[in-house]
Structure formats: structure tokens, C-alpha cells
C-alpha atoms as a PDB file:
ATOM      1  CA  MET A   1      28.935  14.012   2.969  1.00  0.00           C
ATOM      2  CA  ARG A   2      25.504  14.041   1.362  1.00  0.00           C
ATOM      3  CA  MET A   3      23.248  11.048   2.001  1.00  0.00           C
ATOM      4  CA  ASP A   4      22.612  10.631  -1.710  1.00  0.00           C
ATOM      5  CA  ASP A   5      26.375  10.544  -2.295  1.00  0.00           C
ATOM      6  CA  LEU A   6      26.875   7.477  -0.115  1.00  0.00           C
ATOM      7  CA  PRO A   7      28.894   4.799  -1.862  1.00  0.00           C
ATOM      8  CA  PRO A   8      27.363   1.371  -2.518  1.00  0.00           C
ATOM      9  CA  GLY A   9      27.959  -1.072   0.308  1.00  0.00           C
ATOM     10  CA  PHE A  10      27.914   1.259   3.319  1.00  0.00           C
ATOM     11  CA  ASP A  11      27.977  -0.864   6.429  1.00  0.00           C
ATOM     12  CA  ASP A  12      25.025   0.095   8.594  1.00  0.00           C
ATOM     13  CA  PRO A  13      21.893   1.559   7.013  1.00  0.00           C
ATOM     14  CA  VAL A  14      20.318   2.147  10.453  1.00  0.00           C
ATOM     15  CA  ASP A  15      23.281   4.347  11.376  1.00  0.00           C
ATOM     16  CA  ALA A  16      22.900   6.079   7.998  1.00  0.00           C
ATOM     17  CA  LEU A  17      19.239   6.818   8.782  1.00  0.00           C
ATOM     18  CA  LEU A  18      20.208   8.250  12.167  1.00  0.00           C
ATOM     19  CA  GLY A  19      23.015  10.256  10.598  1.00  0.00           C
ATOM     20  CA  PHE A  20      20.571  11.700   8.140  1.00  0.00           C
ATOM     21  CA  HIS A  21      18.544  13.025  11.068  1.00  0.00           C
ATOM     22  CA  ARG A  22      21.566  15.140  12.014  1.00  0.00           C
ATOM     23  CA  ARG A  23      21.521  16.576   8.477  1.00  0.00           C
ATOM     24  CA  ILE A  24      17.823  17.376   8.851  1.00  0.00           C
ATOM     25  CA  GLU A  25      18.561  19.186  12.111  1.00  0.00           C
ATOM     26  CA  ARG A  26      21.326  21.236  10.457  1.00  0.00           C
ATOM     27  CA  GLN A  27      19.012  22.188   7.591  1.00  0.00           C
ATOM     28  CA  LEU A  28      16.239  23.110  10.038  1.00  0.00           C
ATOM     29  CA  ALA A  29      18.720  25.383  11.836  1.00  0.00           C
ATOM     30  CA  THR A  30      19.635  27.017   8.518  1.00  0.00           C
ATOM     31  CA  LEU A  31      15.959  27.397   7.686  1.00  0.00           C
ATOM     32  CA  GLY A  32      15.468  29.156  11.020  1.00  0.00           C
ATOM     33  CA  ARG A  33      18.348  31.543  10.290  1.00  0.00           C
ATOM     34  CA  ILE A  34      17.070  32.645   6.879  1.00  0.00           C
ATOM     35  CA  THR A  35      14.414  35.026   8.194  1.00  0.00           C
ATOM     36  CA  TYR A  36      16.846  36.532  10.707  1.00  0.00           C
ATOM     37  CA  HIS A  37      19.485  36.880   7.997  1.00  0.00           C
ATOM     38  CA  LEU A  38      17.042  38.711   5.718  1.00  0.00           C
ATOM     39  CA  GLU A  39      16.078  41.089   8.535  1.00  0.00           C
ATOM     40  CA  MET A  40      19.702  41.865   9.371  1.00  0.00           C
ATOM     41  CA  HIS A  41      21.305  41.917   5.912  1.00  0.00           C
ATOM     42  CA  GLY A  42      18.478  42.157   3.421  1.00  0.00           C
ATOM     43  CA  LEU A  43      18.309  39.854   0.458  1.00  0.00           C
ATOM     44  CA  ASP A  44      21.917  39.094  -0.456  1.00  0.00           C
ATOM     45  CA  ALA A  45      23.928  36.278  -1.984  1.00  0.00           C
ATOM     46  CA  GLU A  46      24.389  34.512   1.353  1.00  0.00           C
ATOM     47  CA  GLY A  47      20.654  34.518   2.090  1.00  0.00           C
ATOM     48  CA  SER A  48      19.901  33.279  -1.424  1.00  0.00           C
ATOM     49  CA  ALA A  49      22.488  30.514  -1.074  1.00  0.00           C
ATOM     50  CA  MET A  50      21.039  29.434   2.279  1.00  0.00           C
ATOM     51  CA  ALA A  51      17.562  29.237   0.741  1.00  0.00           C
ATOM     52  CA  ALA A  52      18.854  27.312  -2.280  1.00  0.00           C
ATOM     53  CA  GLY A  53      20.597  24.758  -0.058  1.00  0.00           C
ATOM     54  CA  VAL A  54      17.519  24.234   2.096  1.00  0.00           C
ATOM     55  CA  LEU A  55      15.369  23.895  -1.029  1.00  0.00           C
ATOM     56  CA  ASP A  56      17.622  21.255  -2.523  1.00  0.00           C
ATOM     57  CA  PHE A  57      17.725  19.270   0.683  1.00  0.00           C
ATOM     58  CA  PHE A  58      14.019  19.281   1.544  1.00  0.00           C
ATOM     59  CA  THR A  59      12.918  18.806  -2.063  1.00  0.00           C
ATOM     60  CA  SER A  60      15.094  15.834  -2.989  1.00  0.00           C
ATOM     61  CA  SER A  61      17.143  14.265  -0.211  1.00  0.00           C
ATOM     62  CA  LEU A  62      14.356  14.191   2.365  1.00  0.00           C
ATOM     63  CA  ALA A  63      12.004  12.319   0.020  1.00  0.00           C
ATOM     64  CA  LEU A  64      14.617   9.566  -0.353  1.00  0.00           C
ATOM     65  CA  HIS A  65      15.036   9.407   3.413  1.00  0.00           C
ATOM     66  CA  HIS A  66      11.293   8.901   3.880  1.00  0.00           C
ATOM     67  CA  LEU A  67      11.372   6.051   1.337  1.00  0.00           C
ATOM     68  CA  ASP A  68      14.302   4.504   3.230  1.00  0.00           C
ATOM     69  CA  GLU A  69      12.369   4.637   6.488  1.00  0.00           C
ATOM     70  CA  GLU A  70       9.263   3.177   4.874  1.00  0.00           C
ATOM     71  CA  ALA A  71      11.363   0.264   3.584  1.00  0.00           C
ATOM     72  CA  LEU A  72      12.351  -0.453   7.174  1.00  0.00           C
ATOM     73  CA  PHE A  73       8.806  -1.279   8.354  1.00  0.00           C
ATOM     74  CA  PRO A  74       8.287  -4.554   6.458  1.00  0.00           C
ATOM     75  CA  LEU A  75      11.645  -5.825   7.686  1.00  0.00           C
ATOM     76  CA  LEU A  76      10.732  -5.031  11.286  1.00  0.00           C
ATOM     77  CA  GLU A  77       7.280  -6.584  10.936  1.00  0.00           C
ATOM     78  CA  MET A  78       8.895  -9.812   9.734  1.00  0.00           C
ATOM     79  CA  ARG A  79      11.218  -9.968  12.741  1.00  0.00           C
ATOM     80  CA  ILE A  80       8.913  -8.942  15.589  1.00  0.00           C
ATOM     81  CA  ALA A  81       7.468 -12.090  17.151  1.00  0.00           C
ATOM     82  CA  SER A  82       4.958 -10.553  19.541  1.00  0.00           C
ATOM     83  CA  VAL A  83       1.506  -9.784  18.137  1.00  0.00           C
ATOM     84  CA  GLU A  84       1.226  -6.804  20.504  1.00  0.00           C
ATOM     85  CA  GLU A  85       4.569  -5.388  19.410  1.00  0.00           C
ATOM     86  CA  ARG A  86       3.659  -5.806  15.732  1.00  0.00           C
ATOM     87  CA  GLU A  87       0.405  -3.936  16.348  1.00  0.00           C
ATOM     88  CA  ARG A  88       2.289  -1.115  18.101  1.00  0.00           C
ATOM     89  CA  LEU A  89       4.642  -0.996  15.113  1.00  0.00           C
ATOM     90  CA  ARG A  90       1.688  -0.762  12.708  1.00  0.00           C
ATOM     91  CA  LEU A  91       0.220   2.112  14.721  1.00  0.00           C
ATOM     92  CA  LEU A  92       3.599   3.832  14.756  1.00  0.00           C
ATOM     93  CA  ARG A  93       3.929   3.332  11.015  1.00  0.00           C
ATOM     94  CA  ALA A  94       0.513   4.902  10.417  1.00  0.00           C
ATOM     95  CA  ARG A  95       1.468   7.871  12.590  1.00  0.00           C
ATOM     96  CA  LEU A  96       4.872   8.421  10.990  1.00  0.00           C
ATOM     97  CA  GLU A  97       3.523   8.097   7.453  1.00  0.00           C
ATOM     98  CA  SER A  98       0.746  10.573   8.312  1.00  0.00           C
ATOM     99  CA  GLU A  99       3.372  12.954   9.668  1.00  0.00           C
ATOM    100  CA  HIS A 100       5.418  12.536   6.485  1.00  0.00           C
ATOM    101  CA  ARG A 101       2.367  13.613   4.468  1.00  0.00           C
ATOM    102  CA  GLU A 102       1.718  16.583   6.783  1.00  0.00           C
ATOM    103  CA  MET A 103       5.350  17.694   6.632  1.00  0.00           C
ATOM    104  CA  ASP A 104       5.279  17.395   2.831  1.00  0.00           C
ATOM    105  CA  ARG A 105       2.147  19.590   2.758  1.00  0.00           C
ATOM    106  CA  MET A 106       3.813  22.184   4.996  1.00  0.00           C
ATOM    107  CA  TRP A 107       6.957  22.053   2.875  1.00  0.00           C
ATOM    108  CA  ARG A 108       4.970  22.859  -0.271  1.00  0.00           C
ATOM    109  CA  SER A 109       3.723  26.029   1.477  1.00  0.00           C
ATOM    110  CA  LEU A 110       7.250  27.040   2.462  1.00  0.00           C
ATOM    111  CA  LYS A 111       8.831  26.125  -0.859  1.00  0.00           C
ATOM    112  CA  ARG A 112       7.550  29.013  -2.984  1.00  0.00           C
ATOM    113  CA  PRO A 113       8.787  31.807  -0.696  1.00  0.00           C
ATOM    114  CA  LEU A 114      12.151  30.042  -0.396  1.00  0.00           C
ATOM    115  CA  GLU A 115      12.387  29.673  -4.181  1.00  0.00           C
ATOM    116  CA  GLY A 116      11.891  33.415  -4.437  1.00  0.00           C
ATOM    117  CA  ILE A 117      14.656  34.095  -1.920  1.00  0.00           C
ATOM    118  CA  ALA A 118      16.967  31.679  -3.765  1.00  0.00           C
ATOM    119  CA  GLU A 119      16.219  33.622  -6.980  1.00  0.00           C
ATOM    120  CA  GLY A 120      16.734  37.024  -5.350  1.00  0.00           C
ATOM    121  CA  ILE A 121      13.083  37.907  -4.635  1.00  0.00           C
ATOM    122  CA  ASN A 122      11.988  38.322  -1.024  1.00  0.00           C
ATOM    123  CA  ARG A 123       8.463  36.938  -0.884  1.00  0.00           C
ATOM    124  CA  GLY A 124       8.525  36.638   2.903  1.00  0.00           C
ATOM    125  CA  VAL A 125       8.506  33.329   4.731  1.00  0.00           C
ATOM    126  CA  PRO A 126       5.432  32.720   6.939  1.00  0.00           C
ATOM    127  CA  ALA A 127       7.007  32.706  10.411  1.00  0.00           C
ATOM    128  CA  ASP A 128       4.272  30.641  12.072  1.00  0.00           C
ATOM    129  CA  LEU A 129       4.426  27.940   9.404  1.00  0.00           C
ATOM    130  CA  LEU A 130       8.216  27.941   9.535  1.00  0.00           C
ATOM    131  CA  GLN A 131       8.177  27.477  13.312  1.00  0.00           C
ATOM    132  CA  TYR A 132       5.556  24.724  13.114  1.00  0.00           C
ATOM    133  CA  PHE A 133       7.486  22.896  10.357  1.00  0.00           C
ATOM    134  CA  ARG A 134      10.691  22.982  12.393  1.00  0.00           C
ATOM    135  CA  ALA A 135       8.929  21.801  15.558  1.00  0.00           C
ATOM    136  CA  MET A 136       7.106  18.987  13.761  1.00  0.00           C
ATOM    137  CA  GLN A 137      10.334  17.755  12.172  1.00  0.00           C
ATOM    138  CA  ALA A 138      12.111  17.776  15.546  1.00  0.00           C
ATOM    139  CA  THR A 139       9.291  15.866  17.245  1.00  0.00           C
ATOM    140  CA  HIS A 140       9.134  13.388  14.378  1.00  0.00           C
ATOM    141  CA  ILE A 141      12.871  12.713  14.633  1.00  0.00           C
ATOM    142  CA  SER A 142      12.676  12.125  18.376  1.00  0.00           C
ATOM    143  CA  ILE A 143       9.841   9.611  17.952  1.00  0.00           C
ATOM    144  CA  GLU A 144      11.666   7.770  15.182  1.00  0.00           C
ATOM    145  CA  GLU A 145      14.895   7.590  17.142  1.00  0.00           C
ATOM    146  CA  GLY A 146      13.197   6.677  20.393  1.00  0.00           C
ATOM    147  CA  VAL A 147      11.138   3.837  18.959  1.00  0.00           C
ATOM    148  CA  LEU A 148      11.708   2.939  15.314  1.00  0.00           C
ATOM    149  CA  HIS A 149      15.491   3.013  15.193  1.00  0.00           C
ATOM    150  CA  VAL A 150      15.815   1.381  18.598  1.00  0.00           C
ATOM    151  CA  ALA A 151      13.621  -1.484  17.362  1.00  0.00           C
ATOM    152  CA  ALA A 152      15.710  -1.726  14.193  1.00  0.00           C
ATOM    153  CA  ALA A 153      18.947  -1.861  16.159  1.00  0.00           C
ATOM    154  CA  LYS A 154      17.601  -4.698  18.321  1.00  0.00           C
ATOM    155  CA  THR A 155      15.669  -6.662  15.703  1.00  0.00           C
ATOM    156  CA  LEU A 156      17.259  -6.562  12.258  1.00  0.00           C
ATOM    157  CA  THR A 157      19.555  -9.353  11.187  1.00  0.00           C
ATOM    158  CA  PRO A 158      22.731  -8.738   9.186  1.00  0.00           C
ATOM    159  CA  SER A 159      20.915  -9.877   6.029  1.00  0.00           C
ATOM    160  CA  ASP A 160      18.051  -7.439   6.777  1.00  0.00           C
ATOM    161  CA  ARG A 161      20.578  -4.622   7.130  1.00  0.00           C
ATOM    162  CA  ALA A 162      22.246  -5.635   3.880  1.00  0.00           C
ATOM    163  CA  ALA A 163      18.879  -5.663   2.062  1.00  0.00           C
ATOM    164  CA  LEU A 164      17.970  -2.266   3.489  1.00  0.00           C
ATOM    165  CA  GLY A 165      21.353  -0.893   2.452  1.00  0.00           C
ATOM    166  CA  ARG A 166      21.013  -2.269  -1.082  1.00  0.00           C
ATOM    167  CA  GLY A 167      17.601  -0.612  -1.379  1.00  0.00           C
ATOM    168  CA  MET A 168      19.006   2.709  -0.208  1.00  0.00           C
ATOM    169  CA  VAL A 169      21.797   2.540  -2.756  1.00  0.00           C
ATOM    170  CA  ALA A 170      19.390   1.485  -5.545  1.00  0.00           C
ATOM    171  CA  ARG A 171      17.054   4.443  -4.871  1.00  0.00           C
ATOM    172  CA  ARG A 172      19.962   6.860  -5.122  1.00  0.00           C
ATOM    173  CA  THR A 173      21.418   5.171  -8.197  1.00  0.00           C
ATOM    174  CA  ARG A 174      18.068   5.362 -10.009  1.00  0.00           C
ATOM    175  CA  ARG A 175      17.716   9.001  -9.007  1.00  0.00           C
ATOM    176  CA  ARG A 176      21.130   9.909 -10.440  1.00  0.00           C
ATOM    177  CA  ARG A 177      20.645   7.819 -13.556  1.00  0.00           C
ATOM    178  CA  PHE A 178      17.278   9.353 -14.443  1.00  0.00           C
ATOM    179  CA  ALA A 179      17.792  12.891 -13.133  1.00  0.00           C
END
């Protein structure tokens, strides 16, 4: 199931965010296989399809996921009573948002070669950038799951979860309506 195909009213948006991380990991694995596939089989329909799928995911679905995560911060800040914990959350937010920007910048560098592969033109994917992008995504996920999502699981009220879920659905509805 695609994250942007989730029906309105899904029960736990925090679980949905965590589930989306598994999708990111699967796409990162596919991204890692593209270069190997091209070396072994040349540019073929399967390699082009892999590139097209990765392109679609990292160009559209991931941006929505980042917006979902950014919507989580104000809810957590409202619920965290300790001044020290709120400050740690603000520092974490600054770090994660900075990483989002860095990953977006890296993605723009990877996007053009992948577009070529998806269209049947092997432009070559920079291996060092590909490896760095995959490693940064994996580290980012582990930080989010180890801190951000744990805090959300402990802190958010049912009404917070409902509000977060409604926002997630609204972002996807707007995207489909205006796409």
C-alpha cells in the first residue's frame, strides 16, 4: 500500500510514519541495486522500471512524509512539560529539518541520472553520492525512530493523533485534487 493511498481516518498516524520508514528502506535498497543491475544486465526495461519507481517515490511521497513529520513537532512541543525536554526537541527539530534539506539537495543531484535511466539513457549514477544518500537516510531514520517517534508514542493524546491524521489525509487529498 502506498502512503499517499491511505484512506481517510487511518487509526494511528505515528504508526503510519514508522511504516513509511520501511518504505524508504525498501526504496533505498532498490536504489542500491540499480547500479549493480546496470552493470550486470545493461540498460533494460527492468532497470528503467526500478529507476522510475525510485524517482516517483523520492520526488513525491517523501516530500509528503517530511511535511507529516514537521507537523508532529508543534504537537509534541505543546505536550512536553519540561523546559529541558522542549529545548532538546527544538534542537532535534533543527537537526532533522537541516537533514531534510541536505537530503533534498543530494536527491536533486541523483535525480537527473535516474531520470535518464528511467527514459532508457544511462547517464551513470555517482556511486559516492548514492552511497552517502543511502547512509544519510538510514541514519536519519534511526534518529527519528529512536527519539522523535518514541516521544510521540509517549506524549500525544488521542486528539493530537486524530489531528495529525487529519492533516496527513488533507495533504494527500490536496495533492490528488490538484495534481
